Amino acid sequence: MSEGSVQWRMRMRSSAWRPPTDLFETEESIVVRVEIAGMDEDDFNIELTDHILSIHGYRQDVQEERAYHQAEIRFGEFNIEIHLPVPVETRAVEAKYKNGFLRVTLPKAQSAQIRVED
C-alpha cells in the first residue's frame, strides 16, 4: 500500500438490534426487564435453553410518508441473549408485557437435600 492511501475495512453487521435490557436478581428470582414499546404479547418469542434466555421479536414501523429530521427509534428484528447466573426452575418461568416493558421472571432452582442412609 502506498503512502497516503486509505485502507477500507467493511464489517457485516446484523440488521437485528437489541433494546435496552436490565438483568437483576432478587432473593427468589432472576428478572429480565426489556424496554420495548409498541409491541403485542404475540410479537415475542422467548426460549430458555440450558442457561441461556433468548428473546426475539419484530417491531413494525408505521408505514406513512415522512421526512425525518431525527430518527432514533429502532424498528425491525431484535435479539437478546442472556446467560443466566444461576440455575432456574424452567417450568415456573413467567413473562408479562405491560406499559412498554417485557418482564421475564425466572425463579431460582432450589437445592435438593439428599439424605444419607445407613
Protein backbone atom coordinates (compact mmCIF):
# COMPACT_ATOMS: atom_id res chain seq x y z
CA MET A 1 0.00 0.00 0.00
CA SER A 2 1.44 3.33 -0.95
CA GLU A 3 1.95 6.23 1.43
CA GLY A 4 -1.13 8.38 1.87
CA SER A 5 -3.56 5.73 0.59
CA VAL A 6 -6.58 4.80 2.66
CA GLN A 7 -7.38 1.23 3.59
CA TRP A 8 -11.09 0.43 3.88
CA ARG A 9 -12.47 -2.37 6.02
CA MET A 10 -16.04 -3.47 5.77
CA ARG A 11 -17.75 -5.28 8.60
CA MET A 12 -21.00 -7.07 8.05
CA ARG A 13 -23.44 -6.23 10.82
CA SER A 14 -26.66 -7.99 11.51
CA SER A 15 -29.76 -5.94 10.88
CA ALA A 16 -31.08 -7.09 14.26
CA TRP A 17 -30.84 -4.69 17.18
CA ARG A 18 -31.01 -5.00 20.95
CA PRO A 19 -33.48 -2.98 23.05
CA PRO A 20 -32.42 -1.67 26.48
CA THR A 21 -32.36 -4.63 28.86
CA ASP A 22 -31.96 -4.97 32.63
CA LEU A 23 -30.93 -8.19 34.40
CA PHE A 24 -31.24 -8.27 38.17
CA GLU A 25 -31.57 -10.75 40.99
CA THR A 26 -33.92 -10.92 43.95
CA GLU A 27 -33.75 -13.45 46.76
CA GLU A 28 -36.19 -15.74 44.91
CA SER A 29 -35.70 -14.97 41.19
CA ILE A 30 -33.66 -13.72 38.28
CA VAL A 31 -35.57 -10.93 36.49
CA VAL A 32 -35.06 -9.70 32.94
CA ARG A 33 -36.75 -6.42 32.01
CA VAL A 34 -36.80 -5.17 28.41
CA GLU A 35 -37.91 -1.69 27.36
CA ILE A 36 -39.73 -2.31 24.07
CA ALA A 37 -42.82 -0.16 23.46
CA GLY A 38 -45.21 -0.66 20.57
CA MET A 39 -45.43 -4.45 20.70
CA ASP A 40 -48.12 -7.04 21.42
CA GLU A 41 -47.72 -10.14 23.58
CA ASP A 42 -47.70 -12.34 20.46
CA ASP A 43 -44.77 -10.41 18.92
CA PHE A 44 -42.25 -12.05 21.27
CA ASN A 45 -40.55 -15.44 21.00
CA ILE A 46 -38.97 -16.38 24.34
CA GLU A 47 -36.88 -19.52 24.79
CA LEU A 48 -34.83 -20.95 27.63
CA THR A 49 -32.13 -23.43 26.65
CA ASP A 50 -29.58 -24.59 29.22
CA HIS A 51 -28.59 -21.35 30.99
CA ILE A 52 -29.39 -19.03 28.08
CA LEU A 53 -32.57 -16.94 27.85
CA SER A 54 -33.32 -15.84 24.27
CA ILE A 55 -35.86 -13.15 23.43
CA HIS A 56 -36.58 -12.49 19.76
CA GLY A 57 -39.15 -10.31 18.11
CA TYR A 58 -40.01 -7.88 15.38
CA ARG A 59 -41.28 -4.33 15.96
CA GLN A 60 -43.22 -2.98 13.00
CA ASP A 61 -42.78 0.59 11.84
CA VAL A 62 -45.86 2.59 10.90
CA GLN A 63 -46.00 2.89 7.11
CA GLU A 64 -46.52 6.53 6.18
CA GLU A 65 -44.82 9.14 4.06
CA ARG A 66 -42.47 11.26 6.10
CA ALA A 67 -39.28 13.25 6.01
CA TYR A 68 -37.14 12.58 9.07
CA HIS A 69 -35.36 15.37 10.91
CA GLN A 70 -34.24 12.94 13.60
CA ALA A 71 -34.56 9.12 13.77
CA GLU A 72 -33.57 7.29 16.93
CA ILE A 73 -36.33 4.72 17.41
CA ARG A 74 -35.35 1.27 16.14
CA PHE A 75 -37.71 -1.00 14.25
CA GLY A 76 -37.42 -4.45 12.76
CA GLU A 77 -35.97 -7.64 14.16
CA PHE A 78 -34.37 -7.64 17.60
CA ASN A 79 -32.46 -10.32 19.51
CA ILE A 80 -31.47 -10.59 23.15
CA GLU A 81 -29.44 -13.45 24.60
CA ILE A 82 -28.73 -13.54 28.31
CA HIS A 83 -26.54 -16.05 30.13
CA LEU A 84 -28.28 -16.69 33.43
CA PRO A 85 -26.02 -16.58 36.50
CA VAL A 86 -27.79 -19.40 38.40
CA PRO A 87 -29.98 -22.44 37.57
CA VAL A 88 -33.71 -21.64 37.35
CA GLU A 89 -36.98 -23.55 37.60
CA THR A 90 -37.88 -23.74 33.91
CA ARG A 91 -41.50 -24.77 34.49
CA ALA A 92 -42.20 -21.74 36.68
CA VAL A 93 -40.88 -19.00 34.34
CA GLU A 94 -43.35 -16.15 33.74
CA ALA A 95 -43.34 -13.44 31.05
CA LYS A 96 -45.56 -10.35 31.19
CA TYR A 97 -45.78 -7.37 28.83
CA LYS A 98 -47.22 -4.14 30.21
CA ASN A 99 -46.74 -0.41 29.53
CA GLY A 100 -43.91 -0.97 27.04
CA PHE A 101 -41.90 -3.31 29.28
CA LEU A 102 -41.45 -7.05 28.89
CA ARG A 103 -40.66 -8.66 32.26
CA VAL A 104 -39.45 -12.26 32.43
CA THR A 105 -39.28 -13.72 35.94
CA LEU A 106 -37.20 -16.87 36.35
CA PRO A 107 -37.50 -18.45 39.82
CA LYS A 108 -34.19 -19.75 41.13
CA ALA A 109 -33.84 -23.53 41.32
CA GLN A 110 -33.88 -24.85 44.87
CA SER A 111 -31.08 -27.09 46.02
CA ALA A 112 -32.21 -30.63 46.63
CA GLN A 113 -31.43 -32.01 50.08
CA ILE A 114 -30.02 -35.51 49.79
CA ARG A 115 -30.49 -37.73 52.79
CA VAL A 116 -27.73 -40.13 53.67
CA GLU A 117 -28.99 -43.50 54.78
CA ASP A 118 -27.20 -46.16 56.85
